[in-house]
PDB file of all heavy atoms in Angstrom:
ATOM      1  N   TYR A   1       0.834  -1.216   0.000  1.00  0.00           N
ATOM      2  CA  TYR A   1       0.000   0.000   0.000  1.00  0.00           C
ATOM      3  C   TYR A   1       0.862   1.257   0.000  1.00  0.00           C
ATOM      4  O   TYR A   1       0.610   2.192  -0.751  1.00  0.00           O
ATOM      5  CB  TYR A   1      -0.919  -0.025   1.221  1.00  0.00           C
ATOM      6  CG  TYR A   1      -1.798   1.190   1.366  1.00  0.00           C
ATOM      7  CD1 TYR A   1      -2.768   1.488   0.407  1.00  0.00           C
ATOM      8  CD2 TYR A   1      -1.661   2.048   2.459  1.00  0.00           C
ATOM      9  CE1 TYR A   1      -3.583   2.602   0.535  1.00  0.00           C
ATOM     10  CE2 TYR A   1      -2.469   3.167   2.601  1.00  0.00           C
ATOM     11  CZ  TYR A   1      -3.432   3.438   1.635  1.00  0.00           C
ATOM     12  OH  TYR A   1      -4.238   4.548   1.756  1.00  0.00           O
ATOM     13  N   ASP A   2       1.883   1.277   0.843  1.00  0.00           N
ATOM     14  CA  ASP A   2       2.794   2.424   0.894  1.00  0.00           C
ATOM     15  C   ASP A   2       4.165   1.902   1.302  1.00  0.00           C
ATOM     16  O   ASP A   2       4.522   1.872   2.479  1.00  0.00           O
ATOM     17  CB  ASP A   2       2.290   3.474   1.885  1.00  0.00           C
ATOM     18  CG  ASP A   2       3.113   4.759   1.837  1.00  0.00           C
ATOM     19  OD1 ASP A   2       4.210   4.737   1.232  1.00  0.00           O
ATOM     20  OD2 ASP A   2       2.676   5.777   2.398  1.00  0.00           O
ATOM     21  N   SER A   3       4.916   1.486   0.308  1.00  0.00           N
ATOM     22  CA  SER A   3       6.156   0.742   0.532  1.00  0.00           C
ATOM     23  C   SER A   3       7.198   1.524   1.325  1.00  0.00           C
ATOM     24  O   SER A   3       8.042   0.933   2.007  1.00  0.00           O
ATOM     25  CB  SER A   3       6.750   0.324  -0.815  1.00  0.00           C
ATOM     26  OG  SER A   3       7.910  -0.446  -0.625  1.00  0.00           O
ATOM     27  N   ARG A   4       7.128   2.857   1.257  1.00  0.00           N
ATOM     28  CA  ARG A   4       8.168   3.658   1.915  1.00  0.00           C
ATOM     29  C   ARG A   4       7.704   4.262   3.240  1.00  0.00           C
ATOM     30  O   ARG A   4       8.404   5.074   3.833  1.00  0.00           O
ATOM     31  CB  ARG A   4       8.624   4.759   0.957  1.00  0.00           C
ATOM     32  CG  ARG A   4       9.231   4.171  -0.320  1.00  0.00           C
ATOM     33  CD  ARG A   4       9.552   5.213  -1.357  1.00  0.00           C
ATOM     34  NE  ARG A   4      10.650   6.079  -0.956  1.00  0.00           N
ATOM     35  CZ  ARG A   4      11.149   7.046  -1.713  1.00  0.00           C
ATOM     36  NH1 ARG A   4      10.639   7.275  -2.911  1.00  0.00           N
ATOM     37  NH2 ARG A   4      12.140   7.790  -1.269  1.00  0.00           N
ATOM     38  N   SER A   5       6.544   3.856   3.708  1.00  0.00           N
ATOM     39  CA  SER A   5       6.020   4.398   4.965  1.00  0.00           C
ATOM     40  C   SER A   5       6.789   3.833   6.159  1.00  0.00           C
ATOM     41  O   SER A   5       7.466   2.802   6.065  1.00  0.00           O
ATOM     42  CB  SER A   5       4.539   4.051   5.105  1.00  0.00           C
ATOM     43  OG  SER A   5       4.378   2.648   5.210  1.00  0.00           O
ATOM     44  N   THR A   6       6.655   4.502   7.298  1.00  0.00           N
ATOM     45  CA  THR A   6       7.335   4.010   8.510  1.00  0.00           C
ATOM     46  C   THR A   6       6.769   2.648   8.932  1.00  0.00           C
ATOM     47  O   THR A   6       7.495   1.799   9.432  1.00  0.00           O
ATOM     48  CB  THR A   6       7.161   4.994   9.688  1.00  0.00           C
ATOM     49  OG1 THR A   6       5.771   5.243   9.887  1.00  0.00           O
ATOM     50  CG2 THR A   6       7.873   6.301   9.419  1.00  0.00           C
ATOM     51  N   GLY A   7       5.465   2.439   8.691  1.00  0.00           N
ATOM     52  CA  GLY A   7       4.854   1.146   9.026  1.00  0.00           C
ATOM     53  C   GLY A   7       5.459   0.011   8.214  1.00  0.00           C
ATOM     54  O   GLY A   7       5.769  -1.063   8.744  1.00  0.00           O
ATOM     55  N   ALA A   8       5.642   0.243   6.915  1.00  0.00           N
ATOM     56  CA  ALA A   8       6.245  -0.781   6.044  1.00  0.00           C
ATOM     57  C   ALA A   8       7.674  -1.081   6.479  1.00  0.00           C
ATOM     58  O   ALA A   8       8.079  -2.252   6.585  1.00  0.00           O
ATOM     59  CB  ALA A   8       6.212  -0.312   4.590  1.00  0.00           C
ATOM     60  N   GLU A   9       8.441  -0.026   6.758  1.00  0.00           N
ATOM     61  CA  GLU A   9       9.834  -0.234   7.186  1.00  0.00           C
ATOM     62  C   GLU A   9       9.890  -0.992   8.510  1.00  0.00           C
ATOM     63  O   GLU A   9      10.745  -1.857   8.710  1.00  0.00           O
ATOM     64  CB  GLU A   9      10.551   1.123   7.307  1.00  0.00           C
ATOM     65  CG  GLU A   9      10.867   1.774   5.971  1.00  0.00           C
ATOM     66  CD  GLU A   9      11.668   0.861   5.039  1.00  0.00           C
ATOM     67  OE1 GLU A   9      12.573   0.157   5.512  1.00  0.00           O
ATOM     68  OE2 GLU A   9      11.368   0.837   3.828  1.00  0.00           O
ATOM     69  N   SER A  10       8.972  -0.673   9.418  1.00  0.00           N
ATOM     70  CA  SER A  10       8.961  -1.346  10.725  1.00  0.00           C
ATOM     71  C   SER A  10       8.667  -2.836  10.581  1.00  0.00           C
ATOM     72  O   SER A  10       9.329  -3.677  11.202  1.00  0.00           O
ATOM     73  CB  SER A  10       7.912  -0.708  11.645  1.00  0.00           C
ATOM     74  OG  SER A  10       8.233   0.641  11.888  1.00  0.00           O
ATOM     75  N   TYR A  11       7.673  -3.175   9.756  1.00  0.00           N
ATOM     76  CA  TYR A  11       7.352  -4.595   9.594  1.00  0.00           C
ATOM     77  C   TYR A  11       8.442  -5.352   8.817  1.00  0.00           C
ATOM     78  O   TYR A  11       8.667  -6.540   9.047  1.00  0.00           O
ATOM     79  CB  TYR A  11       5.965  -4.780   8.963  1.00  0.00           C
ATOM     80  CG  TYR A  11       4.884  -4.755  10.031  1.00  0.00           C
ATOM     81  CD1 TYR A  11       4.015  -3.681  10.152  1.00  0.00           C
ATOM     82  CD2 TYR A  11       4.767  -5.800  10.956  1.00  0.00           C
ATOM     83  CE1 TYR A  11       3.052  -3.648  11.166  1.00  0.00           C
ATOM     84  CE2 TYR A  11       3.820  -5.767  11.960  1.00  0.00           C
ATOM     85  CZ  TYR A  11       2.957  -4.698  12.058  1.00  0.00           C
ATOM     86  OH  TYR A  11       2.025  -4.683  13.062  1.00  0.00           O
ATOM     87  N   ARG A  12       9.137  -4.655   7.925  1.00  0.00           N
ATOM     88  CA  ARG A  12      10.299  -5.297   7.272  1.00  0.00           C
ATOM     89  C   ARG A  12      11.385  -5.614   8.309  1.00  0.00           C
ATOM     90  O   ARG A  12      12.002  -6.684   8.274  1.00  0.00           O
ATOM     91  CB  ARG A  12      10.873  -4.388   6.186  1.00  0.00           C
ATOM     92  CG  ARG A  12      10.038  -4.347   4.928  1.00  0.00           C
ATOM     93  CD  ARG A  12      10.772  -3.661   3.778  1.00  0.00           C
ATOM     94  NE  ARG A  12       9.886  -3.512   2.639  1.00  0.00           N
ATOM     95  CZ  ARG A  12       9.309  -2.357   2.277  1.00  0.00           C
ATOM     96  NH1 ARG A  12       9.566  -1.242   2.951  1.00  0.00           N
ATOM     97  NH2 ARG A  12       8.509  -2.315   1.227  1.00  0.00           N
ATOM     98  N   LEU A  13      11.619  -4.675   9.216  1.00  0.00           N
ATOM     99  CA  LEU A  13      12.616  -4.902  10.276  1.00  0.00           C
ATOM    100  C   LEU A  13      12.192  -6.049  11.190  1.00  0.00           C
ATOM    101  O   LEU A  13      13.019  -6.881  11.586  1.00  0.00           O
ATOM    102  CB  LEU A  13      12.825  -3.623  11.094  1.00  0.00           C
ATOM    103  CG  LEU A  13      13.573  -2.489  10.395  1.00  0.00           C
ATOM    104  CD1 LEU A  13      13.501  -1.218  11.232  1.00  0.00           C
ATOM    105  CD2 LEU A  13      15.032  -2.885  10.143  1.00  0.00           C
ATOM    106  N   LEU A  14      10.884  -6.107  11.514  1.00  0.00           N
ATOM    107  CA  LEU A  14      10.387  -7.203  12.351  1.00  0.00           C
ATOM    108  C   LEU A  14      10.565  -8.540  11.631  1.00  0.00           C
ATOM    109  O   LEU A  14      11.014  -9.527  12.238  1.00  0.00           O
ATOM    110  CB  LEU A  14       8.910  -6.978  12.696  1.00  0.00           C
ATOM    111  CG  LEU A  14       8.272  -8.071  13.571  1.00  0.00           C
ATOM    112  CD1 LEU A  14       8.943  -8.153  14.940  1.00  0.00           C
ATOM    113  CD2 LEU A  14       6.770  -7.834  13.734  1.00  0.00           C
ATOM    114  N   ALA A  15      10.239  -8.577  10.341  1.00  0.00           N
ATOM    115  CA  ALA A  15      10.403  -9.813   9.564  1.00  0.00           C
ATOM    116  C   ALA A  15      11.864 -10.263   9.568  1.00  0.00           C
ATOM    117  O   ALA A  15      12.176 -11.445   9.716  1.00  0.00           O
ATOM    118  CB  ALA A  15       9.912  -9.603   8.125  1.00  0.00           C
ATOM    119  N   LYS A  16      12.762  -9.296   9.449  1.00  0.00           N
ATOM    120  CA  LYS A  16      14.199  -9.609   9.459  1.00  0.00           C
ATOM    121  C   LYS A  16      14.607 -10.199  10.810  1.00  0.00           C
ATOM    122  O   LYS A  16      15.341 -11.195  10.874  1.00  0.00           O
ATOM    123  CB  LYS A  16      15.002  -8.334   9.165  1.00  0.00           C
ATOM    124  CG  LYS A  16      16.440  -8.579   8.762  1.00  0.00           C
ATOM    125  CD  LYS A  16      17.124  -7.289   8.332  1.00  0.00           C
ATOM    126  CE  LYS A  16      16.660  -6.851   6.965  1.00  0.00           C
ATOM    127  NZ  LYS A  16      17.418  -5.674   6.477  1.00  0.00           N
ATOM    128  N   GLU A  17      14.099  -9.599  11.887  1.00  0.00           N
ATOM    129  CA  GLU A  17      14.393 -10.117  13.233  1.00  0.00           C
ATOM    130  C   GLU A  17      13.866 -11.546  13.396  1.00  0.00           C
ATOM    131  O   GLU A  17      14.542 -12.410  13.951  1.00  0.00           O
ATOM    132  CB  GLU A  17      13.768  -9.216  14.300  1.00  0.00           C
ATOM    133  CG  GLU A  17      14.607  -8.033  14.710  1.00  0.00           C
ATOM    134  CD  GLU A  17      14.105  -7.426  16.024  1.00  0.00           C
ATOM    135  OE1 GLU A  17      14.499  -7.932  17.088  1.00  0.00           O
ATOM    136  OE2 GLU A  17      13.319  -6.468  15.971  1.00  0.00           O
ATOM    137  N   VAL A  18      12.643 -11.770  12.928  1.00  0.00           N
ATOM    138  CA  VAL A  18      12.030 -13.099  13.030  1.00  0.00           C
ATOM    139  C   VAL A  18      12.856 -14.121  12.253  1.00  0.00           C
ATOM    140  O   VAL A  18      13.138 -15.218  12.736  1.00  0.00           O
ATOM    141  CB  VAL A  18      10.563 -13.076  12.526  1.00  0.00           C
ATOM    142  CG1 VAL A  18      10.013 -14.480  12.336  1.00  0.00           C
ATOM    143  CG2 VAL A  18       9.682 -12.282  13.510  1.00  0.00           C
ATOM    144  N   MET A  19      13.279 -13.750  11.052  1.00  0.00           N
ATOM    145  CA  MET A  19      14.071 -14.670  10.210  1.00  0.00           C
ATOM    146  C   MET A  19      15.441 -14.962  10.839  1.00  0.00           C
ATOM    147  O   MET A  19      15.984 -16.050  10.665  1.00  0.00           O
ATOM    148  CB  MET A  19      14.263 -14.082   8.811  1.00  0.00           C
ATOM    149  CG  MET A  19      13.008 -14.114   7.977  1.00  0.00           C
ATOM    150  SD  MET A  19      13.293 -13.600   6.263  1.00  0.00           S
ATOM    151  CE  MET A  19      13.527 -11.839   6.415  1.00  0.00           C
ATOM    152  N   ASN A  20      15.980 -13.974  11.541  1.00  0.00           N
ATOM    153  CA  ASN A  20      17.330 -14.131  12.096  1.00  0.00           C
ATOM    154  C   ASN A  20      17.389 -14.850  13.430  1.00  0.00           C
ATOM    155  O   ASN A  20      18.471 -15.096  13.958  1.00  0.00           O
ATOM    156  CB  ASN A  20      18.005 -12.760  12.236  1.00  0.00           C
ATOM    157  CG  ASN A  20      18.382 -12.167  10.897  1.00  0.00           C
ATOM    158  OD1 ASN A  20      18.479 -12.889   9.905  1.00  0.00           O
ATOM    159  ND2 ASN A  20      18.568 -10.858  10.830  1.00  0.00           N
ATOM    160  N   ARG A  21      16.230 -15.177  13.998  1.00  0.00           N
ATOM    161  CA  ARG A  21      16.235 -15.883  15.290  1.00  0.00           C
ATOM    162  C   ARG A  21      16.809 -17.283  15.095  1.00  0.00           C
ATOM    163  O   ARG A  21      16.299 -18.094  14.357  1.00  0.00           O
ATOM    164  CB  ARG A  21      14.788 -16.016  15.828  1.00  0.00           C
ATOM    165  CG  ARG A  21      14.225 -14.769  16.446  1.00  0.00           C
ATOM    166  CD  ARG A  21      14.842 -14.407  17.792  1.00  0.00           C
ATOM    167  NE  ARG A  21      14.507 -15.329  18.843  1.00  0.00           N
ATOM    168  CZ  ARG A  21      13.392 -15.318  19.545  1.00  0.00           C
ATOM    169  NH1 ARG A  21      12.452 -14.414  19.295  1.00  0.00           N
ATOM    170  NH2 ARG A  21      13.189 -16.184  20.519  1.00  0.00           N
ATOM    171  N   LYS A  22      17.881 -17.558  15.816  1.00  0.00           N
ATOM    172  CA  LYS A  22      18.526 -18.879  15.682  1.00  0.00           C
ATOM    173  C   LYS A  22      18.241 -19.774  16.885  1.00  0.00           C
ATOM    174  O   LYS A  22      18.589 -20.941  16.914  1.00  0.00           O
ATOM    175  CB  LYS A  22      20.058 -18.691  15.551  1.00  0.00           C
ATOM    176  CG  LYS A  22      20.487 -17.895  14.336  1.00  0.00           C
ATOM    177  CD  LYS A  22      20.290 -18.683  13.047  1.00  0.00           C
ATOM    178  CE  LYS A  22      20.796 -17.922  11.845  1.00  0.00           C
ATOM    179  NZ  LYS A  22      19.798 -17.110  11.177  1.00  0.00           N
ATOM    180  N   ASP A  23      17.616 -19.191  17.924  1.00  0.00           N
ATOM    181  CA  ASP A  23      17.442 -19.956  19.171  1.00  0.00           C
ATOM    182  C   ASP A  23      16.102 -20.686  19.227  1.00  0.00           C
ATOM    183  O   ASP A  23      15.735 -21.251  20.245  1.00  0.00           O
ATOM    184  CB  ASP A  23      17.557 -19.000  20.376  1.00  0.00           C
ATOM    185  CG  ASP A  23      16.575 -17.835  20.297  1.00  0.00           C
ATOM    186  OD1 ASP A  23      16.199 -17.469  19.164  1.00  0.00           O
ATOM    187  OD2 ASP A  23      16.198 -17.304  21.349  1.00  0.00           O
ATOM    188  N   ILE A  24      15.351 -20.672  18.127  1.00  0.00           N
ATOM    189  CA  ILE A  24      14.037 -21.348  18.125  1.00  0.00           C
ATOM    190  C   ILE A  24      14.092 -22.543  17.199  1.00  0.00           C
ATOM    191  O   ILE A  24      14.554 -22.443  16.094  1.00  0.00           O
ATOM    192  CB  ILE A  24      12.920 -20.359  17.669  1.00  0.00           C
ATOM    193  CG1 ILE A  24      12.725 -19.287  18.716  1.00  0.00           C
ATOM    194  CG2 ILE A  24      11.614 -21.087  17.426  1.00  0.00           C
ATOM    195  CD1 ILE A  24      11.749 -18.198  18.358  1.00  0.00           C
TER     196      ILE A  24
END
């Protein structure tokens, strides 16, 4: 919907954190 919005950037960062979790 708005690729450059702060909401989009925040969820991209969350997705990156989720993908990088190695302890699960």
